[in-house]
Amino acid sequence: MTQPRRPERLISPITIAASSGARSDLHTDMNIRYPPRIPRLVRRPAPTAITTTELDHRPSSISSAISITREYARRTEPAHDLHCAFDEKAVDLSAIREVQIEETANNRNYVPLHFEILQEDGGRYSTAYRIENVLRNDGTVYCSQRYGTVNILLKFEGCTSCSVSHIIIKSPQYGYTAPCKEGMIFASHKPIDIESTRGFDLFTQENYERYTEMNREQLDDSDPAAWFNASMYSQSVIDMKEKSCKYILIKLLGNDTSNLDLQYIGLIGYTGSRCFAKGNLC
């Protein structure tokens, strides 16, 4: 008569080591089954949004413990603003000099972008009217020495590129004989050669619109990205459509009979990574 097979006994490594006198860290029996090891769950500091009862509840299984941990992480994750860094102050474009701007969801999330002047070819009328005044927005004015078109090349001060949403061009309203009235803007990830843009020095707004219409499918960073006109309110807010770039060239269009006066150049947008709702793979 065949005797029934006795159930296999679960033996721990400590029992084997105690009976054989062998070291507890050496296991020679390959048939020993060890109990599964349950990983420890690190409990994060309790946030205000989750009650104490929820945190003190002991999970009944590994799967429930993982579910509780994921829910905890989801509910305590900070709400990231995808359009504005935490240490930057957002800009309300509609409040700038009472200029009305089309209301969009992103208007209150743009921040001032810090650029430096890399190059200019207009000279200065005197030391009081130097080119650095255009970045201050404190009432000081830049007055060129030369007549005709003046180019101002700007470089973003950050390590990477930025996205420019709007550019503010402000001319002095009173006390100056030659406030800048119109011009063009170039934007690129690479340094812009001013000499290569001389062909646009005599452009009018009609020339610009015709040029961009004829070359719509072939425009690149060597072509103007926008036109501005500051003659009506002595200020122009140019929509750059969140143009990604590192270099900005402001081409102030003038004539051969007078110099040019400019009060302020303001650049607004955002930096850093952003998410996109839609994209295409080429």
C-alpha atoms as a PDB file:
ATOM      1  CA  MET A   1       0.000   0.000   0.000  1.00  0.00           C
ATOM      2  CA  THR A   2       1.414   3.340  -1.082  1.00  0.00           C
ATOM      3  CA  GLN A   3       1.675   5.809   1.720  1.00  0.00           C
ATOM      4  CA  PRO A   4       0.450   9.357   1.009  1.00  0.00           C
ATOM      5  CA  ARG A   5       3.132  11.895   0.232  1.00  0.00           C
ATOM      6  CA  ARG A   6       3.860  14.220   3.078  1.00  0.00           C
ATOM      7  CA  PRO A   7       3.508  17.917   2.237  1.00  0.00           C
ATOM      8  CA  GLU A   8       6.754  19.702   1.704  1.00  0.00           C
ATOM      9  CA  ARG A   9       7.772  21.662   4.746  1.00  0.00           C
ATOM     10  CA  LEU A  10       8.736  25.293   4.340  1.00  0.00           C
ATOM     11  CA  ILE A  11      12.222  25.588   5.792  1.00  0.00           C
ATOM     12  CA  SER A  12      13.990  28.843   6.367  1.00  0.00           C
ATOM     13  CA  PRO A  13      17.734  29.389   5.891  1.00  0.00           C
ATOM     14  CA  ILE A  14      18.112  30.060   9.619  1.00  0.00           C
ATOM     15  CA  THR A  15      16.821  26.543  10.501  1.00  0.00           C
ATOM     16  CA  ILE A  16      19.227  24.897   8.033  1.00  0.00           C
ATOM     17  CA  ALA A  17      22.159  26.840   9.409  1.00  0.00           C
ATOM     18  CA  ALA A  18      21.287  26.015  13.012  1.00  0.00           C
ATOM     19  CA  SER A  19      20.971  22.241  12.401  1.00  0.00           C
ATOM     20  CA  SER A  20      24.037  21.793  10.231  1.00  0.00           C
ATOM     21  CA  GLY A  21      26.354  24.239  11.897  1.00  0.00           C
ATOM     22  CA  ALA A  22      27.093  25.853   8.527  1.00  0.00           C
ATOM     23  CA  ARG A  23      27.306  29.560   8.032  1.00  0.00           C
ATOM     24  CA  SER A  24      23.921  31.237   7.634  1.00  0.00           C
ATOM     25  CA  ASP A  25      24.975  33.046   4.466  1.00  0.00           C
ATOM     26  CA  LEU A  26      25.844  29.818   2.591  1.00  0.00           C
ATOM     27  CA  HIS A  27      22.940  27.830   1.095  1.00  0.00           C
ATOM     28  CA  THR A  28      23.820  24.472  -0.421  1.00  0.00           C
ATOM     29  CA  ASP A  29      20.326  22.956  -0.652  1.00  0.00           C
ATOM     30  CA  MET A  30      18.898  24.032  -4.018  1.00  0.00           C
ATOM     31  CA  ASN A  31      15.452  22.582  -3.170  1.00  0.00           C
ATOM     32  CA  ILE A  32      14.754  24.966  -0.331  1.00  0.00           C
ATOM     33  CA  ARG A  33      11.892  27.367  -0.996  1.00  0.00           C
ATOM     34  CA  TYR A  34      12.259  30.762   0.555  1.00  0.00           C
ATOM     35  CA  PRO A  35       9.340  33.069   1.360  1.00  0.00           C
ATOM     36  CA  PRO A  36       8.964  35.981  -1.088  1.00  0.00           C
ATOM     37  CA  ARG A  37      10.580  39.211  -0.044  1.00  0.00           C
ATOM     38  CA  ILE A  38       8.195  42.149   0.158  1.00  0.00           C
ATOM     39  CA  PRO A  39       9.819  45.463  -0.817  1.00  0.00           C
ATOM     40  CA  ARG A  40       9.601  48.297   1.632  1.00  0.00           C
ATOM     41  CA  LEU A  41       7.478  51.272   0.615  1.00  0.00           C
ATOM     42  CA  VAL A  42       8.979  54.643   1.409  1.00  0.00           C
ATOM     43  CA  ARG A  43       6.351  56.924   2.857  1.00  0.00           C
ATOM     44  CA  ARG A  44       6.654  60.556   1.788  1.00  0.00           C
ATOM     45  CA  PRO A  45       5.662  63.489   4.019  1.00  0.00           C
ATOM     46  CA  ALA A  46       1.905  63.773   4.321  1.00  0.00           C
ATOM     47  CA  PRO A  47       0.402  66.648   2.264  1.00  0.00           C
ATOM     48  CA  THR A  48      -2.575  68.686   3.332  1.00  0.00           C
ATOM     49  CA  ALA A  49      -4.766  67.205   0.603  1.00  0.00           C
ATOM     50  CA  ILE A  50      -4.643  63.648   2.054  1.00  0.00           C
ATOM     51  CA  THR A  51      -6.056  62.726   5.425  1.00  0.00           C
ATOM     52  CA  THR A  52      -4.135  60.987   8.221  1.00  0.00           C
ATOM     53  CA  THR A  53      -6.473  58.006   8.044  1.00  0.00           C
ATOM     54  CA  GLU A  54      -5.519  57.319   4.442  1.00  0.00           C
ATOM     55  CA  LEU A  55      -1.814  57.430   5.178  1.00  0.00           C
ATOM     56  CA  ASP A  56      -2.019  55.186   8.255  1.00  0.00           C
ATOM     57  CA  HIS A  57      -4.053  52.517   6.461  1.00  0.00           C
ATOM     58  CA  ARG A  58      -1.949  49.365   6.114  1.00  0.00           C
ATOM     59  CA  PRO A  59      -2.176  47.820   2.617  1.00  0.00           C
ATOM     60  CA  SER A  60      -3.407  44.257   2.500  1.00  0.00           C
ATOM     61  CA  SER A  61      -1.243  43.251  -0.469  1.00  0.00           C
ATOM     62  CA  ILE A  62       1.593  44.440  -2.663  1.00  0.00           C
ATOM     63  CA  SER A  63      -0.771  45.492  -5.455  1.00  0.00           C
ATOM     64  CA  SER A  64      -2.889  47.586  -3.105  1.00  0.00           C
ATOM     65  CA  ALA A  65       0.257  49.145  -1.658  1.00  0.00           C
ATOM     66  CA  ILE A  66       1.438  50.136  -5.138  1.00  0.00           C
ATOM     67  CA  SER A  67      -1.992  51.591  -5.944  1.00  0.00           C
ATOM     68  CA  ILE A  68      -1.952  53.668  -2.770  1.00  0.00           C
ATOM     69  CA  THR A  69       1.576  54.901  -3.539  1.00  0.00           C
ATOM     70  CA  ARG A  70       0.677  55.939  -7.104  1.00  0.00           C
ATOM     71  CA  GLU A  71      -2.451  57.733  -5.932  1.00  0.00           C
ATOM     72  CA  TYR A  72      -0.406  59.507  -3.291  1.00  0.00           C
ATOM     73  CA  ALA A  73       2.172  60.663  -5.855  1.00  0.00           C
ATOM     74  CA  ARG A  74      -0.522  61.820  -8.236  1.00  0.00           C
ATOM     75  CA  ARG A  75      -2.373  63.866  -5.632  1.00  0.00           C
ATOM     76  CA  THR A  76       0.769  65.438  -4.188  1.00  0.00           C
ATOM     77  CA  GLU A  77       2.430  66.282  -7.518  1.00  0.00           C
ATOM     78  CA  PRO A  78       2.897  70.066  -7.839  1.00  0.00           C
ATOM     79  CA  ALA A  79       0.885  71.812 -10.528  1.00  0.00           C
ATOM     80  CA  HIS A  80       3.549  72.834 -13.035  1.00  0.00           C
ATOM     81  CA  ASP A  81       2.966  75.939 -15.123  1.00  0.00           C
ATOM     82  CA  LEU A  82       4.008  74.987 -18.626  1.00  0.00           C
ATOM     83  CA  HIS A  83       4.359  78.570 -19.804  1.00  0.00           C
ATOM     84  CA  CYS A  84       6.127  80.355 -16.974  1.00  0.00           C
ATOM     85  CA  ALA A  85       9.045  79.467 -14.733  1.00  0.00           C
ATOM     86  CA  PHE A  86       8.395  79.574 -10.984  1.00  0.00           C
ATOM     87  CA  ASP A  87      10.879  82.366 -10.305  1.00  0.00           C
ATOM     88  CA  GLU A  88       9.707  84.642 -13.106  1.00  0.00           C
ATOM     89  CA  LYS A  89       6.993  87.264 -12.916  1.00  0.00           C
ATOM     90  CA  ALA A  90       4.359  87.021 -15.631  1.00  0.00           C
ATOM     91  CA  VAL A  91       3.567  89.996 -17.851  1.00  0.00           C
ATOM     92  CA  ASP A  92       0.084  91.314 -18.608  1.00  0.00           C
ATOM     93  CA  LEU A  93       0.493  92.523 -22.171  1.00  0.00           C
ATOM     94  CA  SER A  94      -2.897  94.222 -22.312  1.00  0.00           C
ATOM     95  CA  ALA A  95      -1.818  96.561 -19.486  1.00  0.00           C
ATOM     96  CA  ILE A  96       1.290  97.840 -21.265  1.00  0.00           C
ATOM     97  CA  ARG A  97       0.752 101.464 -22.276  1.00  0.00           C
ATOM     98  CA  GLU A  98      -2.981 100.774 -22.706  1.00  0.00           C
ATOM     99  CA  VAL A  99      -2.374  98.812 -25.877  1.00  0.00           C
ATOM    100  CA  GLN A 100      -5.116  96.243 -26.478  1.00  0.00           C
ATOM    101  CA  ILE A 101      -3.871  92.781 -27.374  1.00  0.00           C
ATOM    102  CA  GLU A 102      -5.903  89.828 -28.498  1.00  0.00           C
ATOM    103  CA  GLU A 103      -6.901  87.857 -25.416  1.00  0.00           C
ATOM    104  CA  THR A 104      -5.408  84.371 -25.359  1.00  0.00           C
ATOM    105  CA  ALA A 105      -4.920  81.784 -22.653  1.00  0.00           C
ATOM    106  CA  ASN A 106      -1.163  82.405 -22.657  1.00  0.00           C
ATOM    107  CA  ASN A 107      -1.130  86.183 -22.284  1.00  0.00           C
ATOM    108  CA  ARG A 108      -0.702  86.117 -18.507  1.00  0.00           C
ATOM    109  CA  ASN A 109       1.996  83.475 -18.608  1.00  0.00           C
ATOM    110  CA  TYR A 110       4.612  85.289 -20.701  1.00  0.00           C
ATOM    111  CA  VAL A 111       7.671  86.703 -18.962  1.00  0.00           C
ATOM    112  CA  PRO A 112      10.270  89.345 -19.886  1.00  0.00           C
ATOM    113  CA  LEU A 113      13.187  87.880 -21.807  1.00  0.00           C
ATOM    114  CA  HIS A 114      16.666  89.204 -21.064  1.00  0.00           C
ATOM    115  CA  PHE A 115      18.708  90.083 -24.153  1.00  0.00           C
ATOM    116  CA  GLU A 116      22.046  91.822 -24.523  1.00  0.00           C
ATOM    117  CA  ILE A 117      23.172  94.111 -27.316  1.00  0.00           C
ATOM    118  CA  LEU A 118      25.664  92.269 -29.468  1.00  0.00           C
ATOM    119  CA  GLN A 119      26.163  94.783 -32.256  1.00  0.00           C
ATOM    120  CA  GLU A 120      24.823  98.083 -33.620  1.00  0.00           C
ATOM    121  CA  ASP A 121      25.823 100.282 -36.524  1.00  0.00           C
ATOM    122  CA  GLY A 122      24.117 103.602 -35.774  1.00  0.00           C
ATOM    123  CA  GLY A 123      26.655 105.159 -33.445  1.00  0.00           C
ATOM    124  CA  ARG A 124      25.380 107.578 -30.800  1.00  0.00           C
ATOM    125  CA  TYR A 125      24.558 111.262 -30.810  1.00  0.00           C
ATOM    126  CA  SER A 126      26.232 111.750 -27.407  1.00  0.00           C
ATOM    127  CA  THR A 127      27.103 109.762 -24.299  1.00  0.00           C
ATOM    128  CA  ALA A 128      23.668 110.511 -22.818  1.00  0.00           C
ATOM    129  CA  TYR A 129      21.921 108.786 -25.728  1.00  0.00           C
ATOM    130  CA  ARG A 130      23.775 105.481 -25.863  1.00  0.00           C
ATOM    131  CA  ILE A 131      22.416 102.251 -27.296  1.00  0.00           C
ATOM    132  CA  GLU A 132      22.011 100.553 -23.881  1.00  0.00           C
ATOM    133  CA  ASN A 133      19.086 102.886 -23.147  1.00  0.00           C
ATOM    134  CA  VAL A 134      16.754 100.867 -25.375  1.00  0.00           C
ATOM    135  CA  LEU A 135      16.740  97.946 -22.904  1.00  0.00           C
ATOM    136  CA  ARG A 136      15.944 100.003 -19.793  1.00  0.00           C
ATOM    137  CA  ASN A 137      12.400 101.308 -20.250  1.00  0.00           C
ATOM    138  CA  ASP A 138      13.087 104.137 -17.805  1.00  0.00           C
ATOM    139  CA  GLY A 139      12.499 107.183 -20.002  1.00  0.00           C
ATOM    140  CA  THR A 140      16.014 107.371 -21.440  1.00  0.00           C
ATOM    141  CA  VAL A 141      16.346 107.404 -25.221  1.00  0.00           C
ATOM    142  CA  TYR A 142      18.843 106.199 -27.792  1.00  0.00           C
ATOM    143  CA  CYS A 143      19.728 108.672 -30.547  1.00  0.00           C
ATOM    144  CA  SER A 144      21.795 107.471 -33.474  1.00  0.00           C
ATOM    145  CA  GLN A 145      24.604 109.474 -34.988  1.00  0.00           C
ATOM    146  CA  ARG A 146      24.317 108.255 -38.546  1.00  0.00           C
ATOM    147  CA  TYR A 147      21.450 108.942 -40.884  1.00  0.00           C
ATOM    148  CA  GLY A 148      19.406 106.272 -42.592  1.00  0.00           C
ATOM    149  CA  THR A 149      18.726 102.709 -41.473  1.00  0.00           C
ATOM    150  CA  VAL A 150      20.067 101.540 -38.117  1.00  0.00           C
ATOM    151  CA  ASN A 151      20.524  97.875 -37.138  1.00  0.00           C
ATOM    152  CA  ILE A 152      20.510  96.576 -33.550  1.00  0.00           C
ATOM    153  CA  LEU A 153      21.534  92.946 -33.046  1.00  0.00           C
ATOM    154  CA  LEU A 154      20.407  91.327 -29.772  1.00  0.00           C
ATOM    155  CA  LYS A 155      21.395  88.013 -28.199  1.00  0.00           C
ATOM    156  CA  PHE A 156      19.430  86.051 -25.625  1.00  0.00           C
ATOM    157  CA  GLU A 157      21.371  85.834 -22.355  1.00  0.00           C
ATOM    158  CA  GLY A 158      20.257  82.289 -21.517  1.00  0.00           C
ATOM    159  CA  CYS A 159      22.236  79.152 -22.298  1.00  0.00           C
ATOM    160  CA  THR A 160      19.649  77.909 -24.783  1.00  0.00           C
ATOM    161  CA  SER A 161      17.182  79.491 -27.150  1.00  0.00           C
ATOM    162  CA  CYS A 162      13.890  81.086 -26.191  1.00  0.00           C
ATOM    163  CA  SER A 163      10.434  81.528 -27.669  1.00  0.00           C
ATOM    164  CA  VAL A 164       9.547  85.153 -28.360  1.00  0.00           C
ATOM    165  CA  SER A 165       5.822  85.834 -28.243  1.00  0.00           C
ATOM    166  CA  HIS A 166       5.806  89.644 -28.545  1.00  0.00           C
ATOM    167  CA  ILE A 167       8.263  92.476 -29.112  1.00  0.00           C
ATOM    168  CA  ILE A 168       7.537  96.007 -27.923  1.00  0.00           C
ATOM    169  CA  ILE A 169       9.031  98.885 -29.901  1.00  0.00           C
ATOM    170  CA  LYS A 170       8.604 102.273 -28.261  1.00  0.00           C
ATOM    171  CA  SER A 171       9.635 105.611 -29.731  1.00  0.00           C
ATOM    172  CA  PRO A 172       9.801 108.867 -27.729  1.00  0.00           C
ATOM    173  CA  GLN A 173       6.617 110.911 -27.929  1.00  0.00           C
ATOM    174  CA  TYR A 174       7.934 114.367 -27.107  1.00  0.00           C
ATOM    175  CA  GLY A 175      11.132 116.349 -27.334  1.00  0.00           C
ATOM    176  CA  TYR A 176      12.815 114.435 -30.161  1.00  0.00           C
ATOM    177  CA  THR A 177      12.928 115.309 -33.823  1.00  0.00           C
ATOM    178  CA  ALA A 178      13.326 111.864 -35.420  1.00  0.00           C
ATOM    179  CA  PRO A 179      11.418 109.119 -33.540  1.00  0.00           C
ATOM    180  CA  CYS A 180      11.576 105.751 -35.267  1.00  0.00           C
ATOM    181  CA  LYS A 181       8.329 105.018 -37.088  1.00  0.00           C
ATOM    182  CA  GLU A 182       8.769 101.644 -38.769  1.00  0.00           C
ATOM    183  CA  GLY A 183      11.104  98.762 -39.331  1.00  0.00           C
ATOM    184  CA  MET A 184      11.586  94.997 -39.586  1.00  0.00           C
ATOM    185  CA  ILE A 185      12.562  92.184 -37.250  1.00  0.00           C
ATOM    186  CA  PHE A 186      14.747  89.177 -37.995  1.00  0.00           C
ATOM    187  CA  ALA A 187      14.970  86.130 -35.723  1.00  0.00           C
ATOM    188  CA  SER A 188      17.422  83.242 -35.898  1.00  0.00           C
ATOM    189  CA  HIS A 189      19.144  80.527 -33.860  1.00  0.00           C
ATOM    190  CA  LYS A 190      22.471  81.578 -35.408  1.00  0.00           C
ATOM    191  CA  PRO A 191      24.213  84.975 -35.373  1.00  0.00           C
ATOM    192  CA  ILE A 192      22.701  87.288 -37.987  1.00  0.00           C
ATOM    193  CA  ASP A 193      25.024  88.967 -40.469  1.00  0.00           C
ATOM    194  CA  ILE A 194      23.863  92.584 -40.702  1.00  0.00           C
ATOM    195  CA  GLU A 195      25.514  93.078 -44.090  1.00  0.00           C
ATOM    196  CA  SER A 196      23.434  90.257 -45.572  1.00  0.00           C
ATOM    197  CA  THR A 197      20.254  92.179 -44.687  1.00  0.00           C
ATOM    198  CA  ARG A 198      21.211  95.430 -46.447  1.00  0.00           C
ATOM    199  CA  GLY A 199      18.902  94.551 -49.335  1.00  0.00           C
ATOM    200  CA  PHE A 200      15.932  95.228 -47.057  1.00  0.00           C
ATOM    201  CA  ASP A 201      17.048  98.727 -46.018  1.00  0.00           C
ATOM    202  CA  LEU A 202      14.829 100.449 -48.584  1.00  0.00           C
ATOM    203  CA  PHE A 203      11.765  98.272 -48.052  1.00  0.00           C
ATOM    204  CA  THR A 204       8.351  99.771 -47.388  1.00  0.00           C
ATOM    205  CA  GLN A 205       5.519  97.927 -45.684  1.00  0.00           C
ATOM    206  CA  GLU A 206       4.030  97.223 -49.096  1.00  0.00           C
ATOM    207  CA  ASN A 207       7.357  95.754 -50.272  1.00  0.00           C
ATOM    208  CA  TYR A 208       7.533  93.581 -47.162  1.00  0.00           C
ATOM    209  CA  GLU A 209       4.015  92.215 -47.564  1.00  0.00           C
ATOM    210  CA  ARG A 210       4.578  91.469 -51.241  1.00  0.00           C
ATOM    211  CA  TYR A 211       7.926  89.805 -50.528  1.00  0.00           C
ATOM    212  CA  THR A 212       6.561  87.519 -47.822  1.00  0.00           C
ATOM    213  CA  GLU A 213       3.547  86.611 -49.960  1.00  0.00           C
ATOM    214  CA  MET A 214       5.673  85.664 -52.969  1.00  0.00           C
ATOM    215  CA  ASN A 215       8.150  83.647 -50.890  1.00  0.00           C
ATOM    216  CA  ARG A 216       5.745  82.152 -48.354  1.00  0.00           C
ATOM    217  CA  GLU A 217       6.937  78.571 -48.863  1.00  0.00           C
ATOM    218  CA  GLN A 218      10.641  79.468 -48.927  1.00  0.00           C
ATOM    219  CA  LEU A 219      11.084  81.881 -46.016  1.00  0.00           C
ATOM    220  CA  ASP A 220      13.872  81.091 -43.549  1.00  0.00           C
ATOM    221  CA  ASP A 221      15.893  82.838 -40.821  1.00  0.00           C
ATOM    222  CA  SER A 222      17.593  85.083 -43.380  1.00  0.00           C
ATOM    223  CA  ASP A 223      14.243  86.724 -44.197  1.00  0.00           C
ATOM    224  CA  PRO A 224      12.396  89.256 -42.034  1.00  0.00           C
ATOM    225  CA  ALA A 225      10.024  87.664 -39.531  1.00  0.00           C
ATOM    226  CA  ALA A 226       7.841  90.690 -38.818  1.00  0.00           C
ATOM    227  CA  TRP A 227       7.130  94.324 -39.670  1.00  0.00           C
ATOM    228  CA  PHE A 228       6.354  97.027 -37.107  1.00  0.00           C
ATOM    229  CA  ASN A 229       4.846 100.499 -37.313  1.00  0.00           C
ATOM    230  CA  ALA A 230       5.144 102.817 -34.311  1.00  0.00           C
ATOM    231  CA  SER A 231       3.928 106.036 -35.918  1.00  0.00           C
ATOM    232  CA  MET A 232       0.363 106.088 -34.497  1.00  0.00           C
ATOM    233  CA  TYR A 233       0.912 105.635 -30.745  1.00  0.00           C
ATOM    234  CA  SER A 234       4.725 105.909 -30.728  1.00  0.00           C
ATOM    235  CA  GLN A 235       4.635 102.244 -29.755  1.00  0.00           C
ATOM    236  CA  SER A 236       4.149  98.948 -31.522  1.00  0.00           C
ATOM    237  CA  VAL A 237       3.485  95.514 -30.036  1.00  0.00           C
ATOM    238  CA  ILE A 238       4.513  92.888 -32.578  1.00  0.00           C
ATOM    239  CA  ASP A 239       3.087  89.395 -32.402  1.00  0.00           C
ATOM    240  CA  MET A 240       6.020  87.050 -33.072  1.00  0.00           C
ATOM    241  CA  LYS A 241       3.849  83.914 -32.859  1.00  0.00           C
ATOM    242  CA  GLU A 242       6.167  82.345 -30.273  1.00  0.00           C
ATOM    243  CA  LYS A 243       9.146  82.392 -32.614  1.00  0.00           C
ATOM    244  CA  SER A 244      11.981  80.203 -31.336  1.00  0.00           C
ATOM    245  CA  CYS A 245      15.368  81.930 -31.614  1.00  0.00           C
ATOM    246  CA  LYS A 246      18.506  83.110 -29.838  1.00  0.00           C
ATOM    247  CA  TYR A 247      19.318  86.195 -31.918  1.00  0.00           C
ATOM    248  CA  ILE A 248      17.049  89.131 -32.808  1.00  0.00           C
ATOM    249  CA  LEU A 249      17.892  91.837 -35.337  1.00  0.00           C
ATOM    250  CA  ILE A 250      15.881  95.059 -35.117  1.00  0.00           C
ATOM    251  CA  LYS A 251      16.162  97.012 -38.375  1.00  0.00           C
ATOM    252  CA  LEU A 252      15.084 100.629 -37.830  1.00  0.00           C
ATOM    253  CA  LEU A 253      14.177 102.101 -41.196  1.00  0.00           C
ATOM    254  CA  GLY A 254      15.020 105.747 -41.718  1.00  0.00           C
ATOM    255  CA  ASN A 255      15.939 108.204 -44.450  1.00  0.00           C
ATOM    256  CA  ASP A 256      19.150 109.933 -45.421  1.00  0.00           C
ATOM    257  CA  THR A 257      18.088 113.301 -44.014  1.00  0.00           C
ATOM    258  CA  SER A 258      17.927 112.572 -40.280  1.00  0.00           C
ATOM    259  CA  ASN A 259      19.081 110.245 -37.557  1.00  0.00           C
ATOM    260  CA  LEU A 260      16.771 107.957 -35.515  1.00  0.00           C
ATOM    261  CA  ASP A 261      15.482 108.127 -31.931  1.00  0.00           C
ATOM    262  CA  LEU A 262      14.317 105.017 -30.061  1.00  0.00           C
ATOM    263  CA  GLN A 263      13.221 104.688 -26.437  1.00  0.00           C
ATOM    264  CA  TYR A 264      12.644 101.015 -25.678  1.00  0.00           C
ATOM    265  CA  ILE A 265      12.833  97.471 -27.041  1.00  0.00           C
ATOM    266  CA  GLY A 266      11.028  94.890 -24.904  1.00  0.00           C
ATOM    267  CA  LEU A 267      11.023  91.164 -25.594  1.00  0.00           C
ATOM    268  CA  ILE A 268       8.453  88.869 -24.037  1.00  0.00           C
ATOM    269  CA  GLY A 269       7.972  85.115 -24.225  1.00  0.00           C
ATOM    270  CA  TYR A 270       9.164  82.063 -22.366  1.00  0.00           C
ATOM    271  CA  THR A 271      12.126  79.745 -21.943  1.00  0.00           C
ATOM    272  CA  GLY A 272      12.604  76.104 -21.060  1.00  0.00           C
ATOM    273  CA  SER A 273      10.787  72.951 -22.140  1.00  0.00           C
ATOM    274  CA  ARG A 274       7.146  73.040 -23.135  1.00  0.00           C
ATOM    275  CA  CYS A 275       4.503  70.478 -23.948  1.00  0.00           C
ATOM    276  CA  PHE A 276       2.660  70.302 -27.242  1.00  0.00           C
ATOM    277  CA  ALA A 277      -0.871  69.131 -27.792  1.00  0.00           C
ATOM    278  CA  LYS A 278      -0.210  67.892 -31.308  1.00  0.00           C
ATOM    279  CA  GLY A 279       2.749  66.931 -33.450  1.00  0.00           C
ATOM    280  CA  ASN A 280       3.658  65.215 -36.690  1.00  0.00           C
ATOM    281  CA  LEU A 281       6.476  62.807 -37.408  1.00  0.00           C
ATOM    282  CA  CYS A 282       8.290  63.325 -40.708  1.00  0.00           C
END
